[in-house]
C-alpha atoms as a PDB file:
ATOM      1  CA  UNK A   1       7.768  14.337 -31.331  1.00  0.00           C
ATOM      2  CA  UNK A   2       9.598  17.655 -30.355  1.00  0.00           C
ATOM      3  CA  UNK A   3      12.573  15.318 -28.973  1.00  0.00           C
ATOM      4  CA  UNK A   4      12.859  13.322 -32.135  1.00  0.00           C
ATOM      5  CA  UNK A   5      12.415  16.786 -34.249  1.00  0.00           C
ATOM      6  CA  UNK A   6      15.316  18.312 -32.284  1.00  0.00           C
ATOM      7  CA  UNK A   7      17.533  15.271 -32.616  1.00  0.00           C
ATOM      8  CA  UNK A   8      16.905  15.068 -36.482  1.00  0.00           C
ATOM      9  CA  UNK A   9      16.892  18.728 -37.633  1.00  0.00           C
ATOM     10  CA  UNK A  10      17.797  21.051 -34.577  1.00  0.00           C
ATOM     11  CA  UNK A  11      14.482  22.322 -34.068  1.00  0.00           C
ATOM     12  CA  UNK A  12      12.116  21.370 -31.164  1.00  0.00           C
ATOM     13  CA  UNK A  13       8.940  22.425 -33.120  1.00  0.00           C
ATOM     14  CA  UNK A  14       7.964  19.385 -35.599  1.00  0.00           C
ATOM     15  CA  UNK A  15       5.686  21.845 -37.514  1.00  0.00           C
ATOM     16  CA  UNK A  16       8.712  24.059 -38.566  1.00  0.00           C
ATOM     17  CA  UNK A  17      10.538  20.821 -39.546  1.00  0.00           C
ATOM     18  CA  UNK A  18       7.706  19.481 -41.659  1.00  0.00           C
ATOM     19  CA  UNK A  19       7.073  22.931 -43.424  1.00  0.00           C
ATOM     20  CA  UNK A  20      10.631  23.139 -44.387  1.00  0.00           C
ATOM     21  CA  UNK A  21      11.326  19.557 -45.460  1.00  0.00           C
ATOM     22  CA  UNK A  22       7.981  18.122 -46.245  1.00  0.00           C
ATOM     23  CA  UNK A  23       6.322  17.837 -49.608  1.00  0.00           C
ATOM     24  CA  UNK A  24       3.207  16.535 -51.042  1.00  0.00           C
ATOM     25  CA  UNK A  25       1.831  13.379 -49.461  1.00  0.00           C
ATOM     26  CA  UNK A  26       4.795  13.386 -46.741  1.00  0.00           C
ATOM     27  CA  UNK A  27       3.571  16.691 -45.573  1.00  0.00           C
ATOM     28  CA  UNK A  28       0.140  15.550 -45.169  1.00  0.00           C
ATOM     29  CA  UNK A  29       1.147  12.375 -43.268  1.00  0.00           C
ATOM     30  CA  UNK A  30       3.337  14.024 -40.929  1.00  0.00           C
ATOM     31  CA  UNK A  31       0.826  16.869 -40.161  1.00  0.00           C
ATOM     32  CA  UNK A  32      -1.585  14.183 -39.410  1.00  0.00           C
ATOM     33  CA  UNK A  33       0.633  12.432 -37.238  1.00  0.00           C
ATOM     34  CA  UNK A  34       1.334  16.019 -35.096  1.00  0.00           C
ATOM     35  CA  UNK A  35      -2.420  16.276 -34.867  1.00  0.00           C
ATOM     36  CA  UNK A  36      -3.059  12.818 -33.470  1.00  0.00           C
ATOM     37  CA  UNK A  37      -0.079  13.038 -31.115  1.00  0.00           C
ATOM     38  CA  UNK A  38      -1.382  16.385 -29.767  1.00  0.00           C
ATOM     39  CA  UNK A  39      -4.912  14.891 -29.673  1.00  0.00           C
ATOM     40  CA  UNK A  40      -3.733  11.883 -27.770  1.00  0.00           C
ATOM     41  CA  UNK A  41      -1.603  14.053 -25.259  1.00  0.00           C
ATOM     42  CA  UNK A  42      -4.027  16.764 -24.613  1.00  0.00           C
ATOM     43  CA  UNK A  43      -7.107  14.697 -24.083  1.00  0.00           C
ATOM     44  CA  UNK A  44      -5.905  12.516 -21.184  1.00  0.00           C
ATOM     45  CA  UNK A  45      -3.421  14.931 -19.807  1.00  0.00           C
ATOM     46  CA  UNK A  46      -5.205  18.353 -19.850  1.00  0.00           C
ATOM     47  CA  UNK A  47      -9.021  17.783 -20.728  1.00  0.00           C
ATOM     48  CA  UNK A  48      -9.942  14.931 -18.546  1.00  0.00           C
ATOM     49  CA  UNK A  49      -8.381  16.438 -15.349  1.00  0.00           C
ATOM     50  CA  UNK A  50      -9.980  19.549 -16.083  1.00  0.00           C
ATOM     51  CA  UNK A  51     -13.406  18.028 -16.834  1.00  0.00           C
ATOM     52  CA  UNK A  52     -12.912  16.394 -13.616  1.00  0.00           C
ATOM     53  CA  UNK A  53     -12.239  19.402 -11.499  1.00  0.00           C
ATOM     54  CA  UNK A  54     -15.595  20.820 -12.821  1.00  0.00           C
ATOM     55  CA  UNK A  55     -17.629  17.676 -12.045  1.00  0.00           C
ATOM     56  CA  UNK A  56     -16.207  17.694  -8.467  1.00  0.00           C
ATOM     57  CA  UNK A  57     -16.957  21.522  -8.011  1.00  0.00           C
ATOM     58  CA  UNK A  58     -20.487  21.263  -9.333  1.00  0.00           C
ATOM     59  CA  UNK A  59     -21.686  17.815  -8.311  1.00  0.00           C
ATOM     60  CA  UNK A  60     -24.379  16.568  -8.701  1.00  0.00           C
ATOM     61  CA  UNK A  61     -25.527  19.003 -11.184  1.00  0.00           C
ATOM     62  CA  UNK A  62     -22.551  19.035 -13.556  1.00  0.00           C
ATOM     63  CA  UNK A  63     -22.342  15.535 -15.255  1.00  0.00           C
ATOM     64  CA  UNK A  64     -19.027  14.411 -17.061  1.00  0.00           C
ATOM     65  CA  UNK A  65     -20.198  15.133 -20.726  1.00  0.00           C
ATOM     66  CA  UNK A  66     -21.046  18.757 -19.871  1.00  0.00           C
ATOM     67  CA  UNK A  67     -18.004  19.040 -17.976  1.00  0.00           C
ATOM     68  CA  UNK A  68     -15.654  18.124 -20.949  1.00  0.00           C
ATOM     69  CA  UNK A  69     -17.646  20.442 -23.133  1.00  0.00           C
ATOM     70  CA  UNK A  70     -17.207  23.401 -20.649  1.00  0.00           C
ATOM     71  CA  UNK A  71     -13.615  22.753 -20.171  1.00  0.00           C
ATOM     72  CA  UNK A  72     -13.061  22.735 -23.934  1.00  0.00           C
ATOM     73  CA  UNK A  73     -14.893  26.186 -24.204  1.00  0.00           C
ATOM     74  CA  UNK A  74     -12.971  27.612 -21.354  1.00  0.00           C
ATOM     75  CA  UNK A  75      -9.603  26.425 -22.618  1.00  0.00           C
ATOM     76  CA  UNK A  76     -10.287  28.073 -25.926  1.00  0.00           C
ATOM     77  CA  UNK A  77     -11.621  31.235 -24.693  1.00  0.00           C
ATOM     78  CA  UNK A  78      -8.599  31.837 -22.512  1.00  0.00           C
ATOM     79  CA  UNK A  79      -6.248  31.194 -25.330  1.00  0.00           C
ATOM     80  CA  UNK A  80      -3.348  29.393 -23.382  1.00  0.00           C
ATOM     81  CA  UNK A  81      -1.110  29.348 -26.467  1.00  0.00           C
ATOM     82  CA  UNK A  82      -0.435  33.203 -25.859  1.00  0.00           C
ATOM     83  CA  UNK A  83       1.079  32.295 -22.411  1.00  0.00           C
ATOM     84  CA  UNK A  84       4.014  31.171 -24.445  1.00  0.00           C
ATOM     85  CA  UNK A  85       5.042  34.404 -25.157  1.00  0.00           C
ATOM     86  CA  UNK A  86       5.362  35.214 -21.407  1.00  0.00           C
ATOM     87  CA  UNK A  87       5.931  31.882 -20.254  1.00  0.00           C
ATOM     88  CA  UNK A  88       8.367  32.170 -17.144  1.00  0.00           C
ATOM     89  CA  UNK A  89       6.295  35.399 -15.943  1.00  0.00           C
ATOM     90  CA  UNK A  90       3.382  33.198 -15.842  1.00  0.00           C
ATOM     91  CA  UNK A  91       5.014  30.416 -14.096  1.00  0.00           C
ATOM     92  CA  UNK A  92       6.355  32.526 -11.498  1.00  0.00           C
ATOM     93  CA  UNK A  93       2.897  34.227 -10.613  1.00  0.00           C
ATOM     94  CA  UNK A  94       1.315  30.665 -10.986  1.00  0.00           C
ATOM     95  CA  UNK A  95       3.965  29.018  -8.536  1.00  0.00           C
ATOM     96  CA  UNK A  96       3.411  32.271  -6.099  1.00  0.00           C
ATOM     97  CA  UNK A  97      -0.335  31.387  -5.911  1.00  0.00           C
ATOM     98  CA  UNK A  98      -0.003  27.793  -5.484  1.00  0.00           C
ATOM     99  CA  UNK A  99       2.749  28.142  -2.837  1.00  0.00           C
ATOM    100  CA  UNK A 100       0.103  29.268  -0.265  1.00  0.00           C
ATOM    101  CA  UNK A 101      -2.089  26.024  -1.191  1.00  0.00           C
ATOM    102  CA  UNK A 102       1.197  23.757  -0.490  1.00  0.00           C
ATOM    103  CA  UNK A 103       1.674  25.492   2.960  1.00  0.00           C
ATOM    104  CA  UNK A 104      -2.016  24.972   4.047  1.00  0.00           C
ATOM    105  CA  UNK A 105      -1.887  21.049   3.044  1.00  0.00           C
ATOM    106  CA  UNK A 106       1.158  20.468   4.909  1.00  0.00           C
ATOM    107  CA  UNK A 107      -0.050  22.397   8.001  1.00  0.00           C
ATOM    108  CA  UNK A 108      -3.498  20.775   7.898  1.00  0.00           C
ATOM    109  CA  UNK A 109      -2.146  17.184   7.599  1.00  0.00           C
ATOM    110  CA  UNK A 110       1.130  17.097   9.613  1.00  0.00           C
ATOM    111  CA  UNK A 111       0.476  19.728  12.343  1.00  0.00           C
ATOM    112  CA  UNK A 112      -3.091  20.347  12.905  1.00  0.00           C
ATOM    113  CA  UNK A 113      -4.314  16.551  12.344  1.00  0.00           C
ATOM    114  CA  UNK A 114      -0.985  14.952  12.886  1.00  0.00           C
ATOM    115  CA  UNK A 115      -1.539  12.658   9.873  1.00  0.00           C
ATOM    116  CA  UNK A 116      -4.965  11.480  11.099  1.00  0.00           C
ATOM    117  CA  UNK A 117      -8.062  11.807   8.668  1.00  0.00           C
ATOM    118  CA  UNK A 118     -11.551  11.034   9.525  1.00  0.00           C
ATOM    119  CA  UNK A 119     -12.084   9.399   5.941  1.00  0.00           C
ATOM    120  CA  UNK A 120     -15.770   8.575   6.384  1.00  0.00           C
ATOM    121  CA  UNK A 121     -16.692  12.107   6.990  1.00  0.00           C
ATOM    122  CA  UNK A 122     -15.096  13.374   3.842  1.00  0.00           C
ATOM    123  CA  UNK A 123     -18.077  11.741   2.258  1.00  0.00           C
ATOM    124  CA  UNK A 124     -20.794  13.131   4.192  1.00  0.00           C
ATOM    125  CA  UNK A 125     -22.866  16.214   3.580  1.00  0.00           C
ATOM    126  CA  UNK A 126     -23.371  16.673   7.234  1.00  0.00           C
ATOM    127  CA  UNK A 127     -19.929  15.778   8.407  1.00  0.00           C
ATOM    128  CA  UNK A 128     -17.296  17.746  10.190  1.00  0.00           C
ATOM    129  CA  UNK A 129     -15.565  19.029   6.961  1.00  0.00           C
ATOM    130  CA  UNK A 130     -18.527  21.186   5.999  1.00  0.00           C
ATOM    131  CA  UNK A 131     -17.548  23.704   8.236  1.00  0.00           C
ATOM    132  CA  UNK A 132     -19.567  27.074   7.429  1.00  0.00           C
ATOM    133  CA  UNK A 133     -21.641  26.079   4.573  1.00  0.00           C
ATOM    134  CA  UNK A 134     -19.155  23.983   2.968  1.00  0.00           C
ATOM    135  CA  UNK A 135     -16.252  26.490   3.380  1.00  0.00           C
ATOM    136  CA  UNK A 136     -13.316  26.527   5.620  1.00  0.00           C
ATOM    137  CA  UNK A 137     -12.381  30.342   6.006  1.00  0.00           C
ATOM    138  CA  UNK A 138      -9.254  29.419   7.845  1.00  0.00           C
ATOM    139  CA  UNK A 139      -7.789  27.817   4.484  1.00  0.00           C
ATOM    140  CA  UNK A 140      -9.167  30.527   2.241  1.00  0.00           C
ATOM    141  CA  UNK A 141      -7.862  33.573   4.145  1.00  0.00           C
ATOM    142  CA  UNK A 142      -4.693  31.945   4.629  1.00  0.00           C
ATOM    143  CA  UNK A 143      -4.380  31.436   0.869  1.00  0.00           C
ATOM    144  CA  UNK A 144      -5.406  34.795   0.079  1.00  0.00           C
ATOM    145  CA  UNK A 145      -2.746  36.495   2.550  1.00  0.00           C
ATOM    146  CA  UNK A 146       0.073  33.790   1.616  1.00  0.00           C
ATOM    147  CA  UNK A 147      -0.560  34.170  -1.970  1.00  0.00           C
ATOM    148  CA  UNK A 148      -0.764  37.913  -2.092  1.00  0.00           C
ATOM    149  CA  UNK A 149       2.425  38.334  -0.282  1.00  0.00           C
ATOM    150  CA  UNK A 150       4.070  35.731  -2.548  1.00  0.00           C
ATOM    151  CA  UNK A 151       2.956  37.842  -5.509  1.00  0.00           C
ATOM    152  CA  UNK A 152       4.369  40.798  -4.109  1.00  0.00           C
ATOM    153  CA  UNK A 153       7.801  39.286  -3.119  1.00  0.00           C
ATOM    154  CA  UNK A 154       8.155  37.764  -6.454  1.00  0.00           C
ATOM    155  CA  UNK A 155      11.894  37.093  -5.895  1.00  0.00           C
ATOM    156  CA  UNK A 156      11.319  34.722  -2.760  1.00  0.00           C
ATOM    157  CA  UNK A 157       7.467  33.810  -4.009  1.00  0.00           C
ATOM    158  CA  UNK A 158       7.272  30.205  -3.015  1.00  0.00           C
ATOM    159  CA  UNK A 159       9.182  30.543   0.349  1.00  0.00           C
ATOM    160  CA  UNK A 160       7.034  33.535   1.346  1.00  0.00           C
ATOM    161  CA  UNK A 161       3.587  31.943   0.190  1.00  0.00           C
ATOM    162  CA  UNK A 162       4.469  28.666   1.479  1.00  0.00           C
ATOM    163  CA  UNK A 163       5.518  29.584   5.208  1.00  0.00           C
ATOM    164  CA  UNK A 164       3.022  32.659   5.539  1.00  0.00           C
ATOM    165  CA  UNK A 165       0.116  30.372   4.495  1.00  0.00           C
ATOM    166  CA  UNK A 166       1.353  27.584   6.859  1.00  0.00           C
ATOM    167  CA  UNK A 167       1.868  29.883   9.994  1.00  0.00           C
ATOM    168  CA  UNK A 168      -1.365  31.739   9.369  1.00  0.00           C
ATOM    169  CA  UNK A 169      -3.436  28.524   8.816  1.00  0.00           C
ATOM    170  CA  UNK A 170      -2.248  26.828  11.929  1.00  0.00           C
ATOM    171  CA  UNK A 171      -3.134  29.989  13.878  1.00  0.00           C
ATOM    172  CA  UNK A 172      -6.654  30.374  12.560  1.00  0.00           C
ATOM    173  CA  UNK A 173      -7.436  26.746  12.955  1.00  0.00           C
ATOM    174  CA  UNK A 174      -6.317  26.648  16.514  1.00  0.00           C
ATOM    175  CA  UNK A 175      -7.807  30.032  17.590  1.00  0.00           C
ATOM    176  CA  UNK A 176     -11.020  30.228  15.342  1.00  0.00           C
ATOM    177  CA  UNK A 177     -12.116  26.909  13.399  1.00  0.00           C
ATOM    178  CA  UNK A 178     -11.301  24.027  15.629  1.00  0.00           C
ATOM    179  CA  UNK A 179     -13.320  25.400  18.676  1.00  0.00           C
ATOM    180  CA  UNK A 180     -16.201  26.019  16.506  1.00  0.00           C
ATOM    181  CA  UNK A 181     -16.146  23.016  14.379  1.00  0.00           C
ATOM    182  CA  UNK A 182     -15.049  20.089  16.425  1.00  0.00           C
ATOM    183  CA  UNK A 183     -12.671  17.459  14.537  1.00  0.00           C
ATOM    184  CA  UNK A 184     -12.790  14.249  15.709  1.00  0.00           C
ATOM    185  CA  UNK A 185      -9.225  13.177  14.804  1.00  0.00           C
ATOM    186  CA  UNK A 186      -7.774  16.242  16.413  1.00  0.00           C
ATOM    187  CA  UNK A 187      -9.481  15.377  19.692  1.00  0.00           C
ATOM    188  CA  UNK A 188      -8.779  11.687  19.453  1.00  0.00           C
ATOM    189  CA  UNK A 189      -5.993  10.584  21.728  1.00  0.00           C
ATOM    190  CA  UNK A 190      -5.444   7.272  20.178  1.00  0.00           C
ATOM    191  CA  UNK A 191      -4.470   5.945  16.609  1.00  0.00           C
ATOM    192  CA  UNK A 192      -7.973   5.195  15.272  1.00  0.00           C
ATOM    193  CA  UNK A 193      -7.927   7.527  12.560  1.00  0.00           C
ATOM    194  CA  UNK A 194      -4.393   6.749  11.346  1.00  0.00           C
ATOM    195  CA  UNK A 195      -4.189   5.163   7.933  1.00  0.00           C
ATOM    196  CA  UNK A 196      -1.234   3.565   5.879  1.00  0.00           C
ATOM    197  CA  UNK A 197       1.598   5.223   8.467  1.00  0.00           C
ATOM    198  CA  UNK A 198       0.432   2.446  10.871  1.00  0.00           C
ATOM    199  CA  UNK A 199      -0.133  -0.314   8.317  1.00  0.00           C
ATOM    200  CA  UNK A 200      -3.856   0.289   8.216  1.00  0.00           C
ATOM    201  CA  UNK A 201      -6.284   1.074   5.379  1.00  0.00           C
ATOM    202  CA  UNK A 202      -9.496   2.846   5.021  1.00  0.00           C
ATOM    203  CA  UNK A 203     -11.663   0.489   3.030  1.00  0.00           C
ATOM    204  CA  UNK A 204     -15.585   0.914   2.081  1.00  0.00           C
ATOM    205  CA  UNK A 205     -17.607  -2.154   2.768  1.00  0.00           C
ATOM    206  CA  UNK A 206     -20.263  -2.519   0.402  1.00  0.00           C
ATOM    207  CA  UNK A 207     -22.271  -5.055   2.180  1.00  0.00           C
ATOM    208  CA  UNK A 208     -22.481  -2.808   5.674  1.00  0.00           C
ATOM    209  CA  UNK A 209     -22.276   0.394   3.507  1.00  0.00           C
ATOM    210  CA  UNK A 210     -19.661   2.136   5.841  1.00  0.00           C
ATOM    211  CA  UNK A 211     -15.867   2.670   5.903  1.00  0.00           C
ATOM    212  CA  UNK A 212     -13.596   0.623   8.105  1.00  0.00           C
ATOM    213  CA  UNK A 213      -9.915   0.313   8.643  1.00  0.00           C
ATOM    214  CA  UNK A 214      -8.271  -3.026   7.604  1.00  0.00           C
ATOM    215  CA  UNK A 215      -4.814  -4.045   8.062  1.00  0.00           C
ATOM    216  CA  UNK A 216      -2.636  -3.859   4.972  1.00  0.00           C
ATOM    217  CA  UNK A 217      -2.040  -7.714   5.098  1.00  0.00           C
ATOM    218  CA  UNK A 218      -5.866  -8.391   5.075  1.00  0.00           C
ATOM    219  CA  UNK A 219      -6.685  -6.202   2.116  1.00  0.00           C
ATOM    220  CA  UNK A 220      -7.372  -9.106  -0.069  1.00  0.00           C
ATOM    221  CA  UNK A 221      -9.701 -10.385   2.150  1.00  0.00           C
ATOM    222  CA  UNK A 222     -12.020  -7.428   2.026  1.00  0.00           C
ATOM    223  CA  UNK A 223     -14.418  -6.540  -0.624  1.00  0.00           C
ATOM    224  CA  UNK A 224     -13.728  -3.455  -2.470  1.00  0.00           C
ATOM    225  CA  UNK A 225     -15.956  -0.866  -4.117  1.00  0.00           C
ATOM    226  CA  UNK A 226     -14.274  -1.241  -7.590  1.00  0.00           C
ATOM    227  CA  UNK A 227     -14.677  -5.006  -7.835  1.00  0.00           C
END
């Protein structure tokens, strides 16, 4: 609607165009269209992902309905529309903080685990990814250090946060975490934990109630959880 508004009247904000040109019933109809467009966009794009984040963080105590309400309340309290007054400043700091997470993800998947993932243990309360009471402090410390330096060096925020977090995470994992919390895919010398990179897929077998690796060409012959 913003694009159409700009093409028709030279203003990207449809509200301003409606107020300047609409009258009577026409204005009401157009404003209702704007409300529905905002509703249809923000519900799937903003509210649902936020609610699912709360569900995952608070599972199994927080249910989806509660998470939706909570996300709506939090989203209203923080007044995100005020960010528009300092949008680029916000995006700069936001990107600086997230740059550390990107470095950690790349380091963990490609450098530490070499594209191998012990998928069954991702769903186990007593699995290898529990670390210390559910927290991997190598990741948290790397994020704090990389993100903090990225905020300080705002001109090169992403590069600083990305590479600092990546390097710190690799060092902490090899020196501190891996010797204490054994990771099967790291100690494995074969390809038994590789997935799509070798034409294999992790699939949950409902009958046997366990995960198994299946060749891509045989996926249609395997029962799936969503069927």
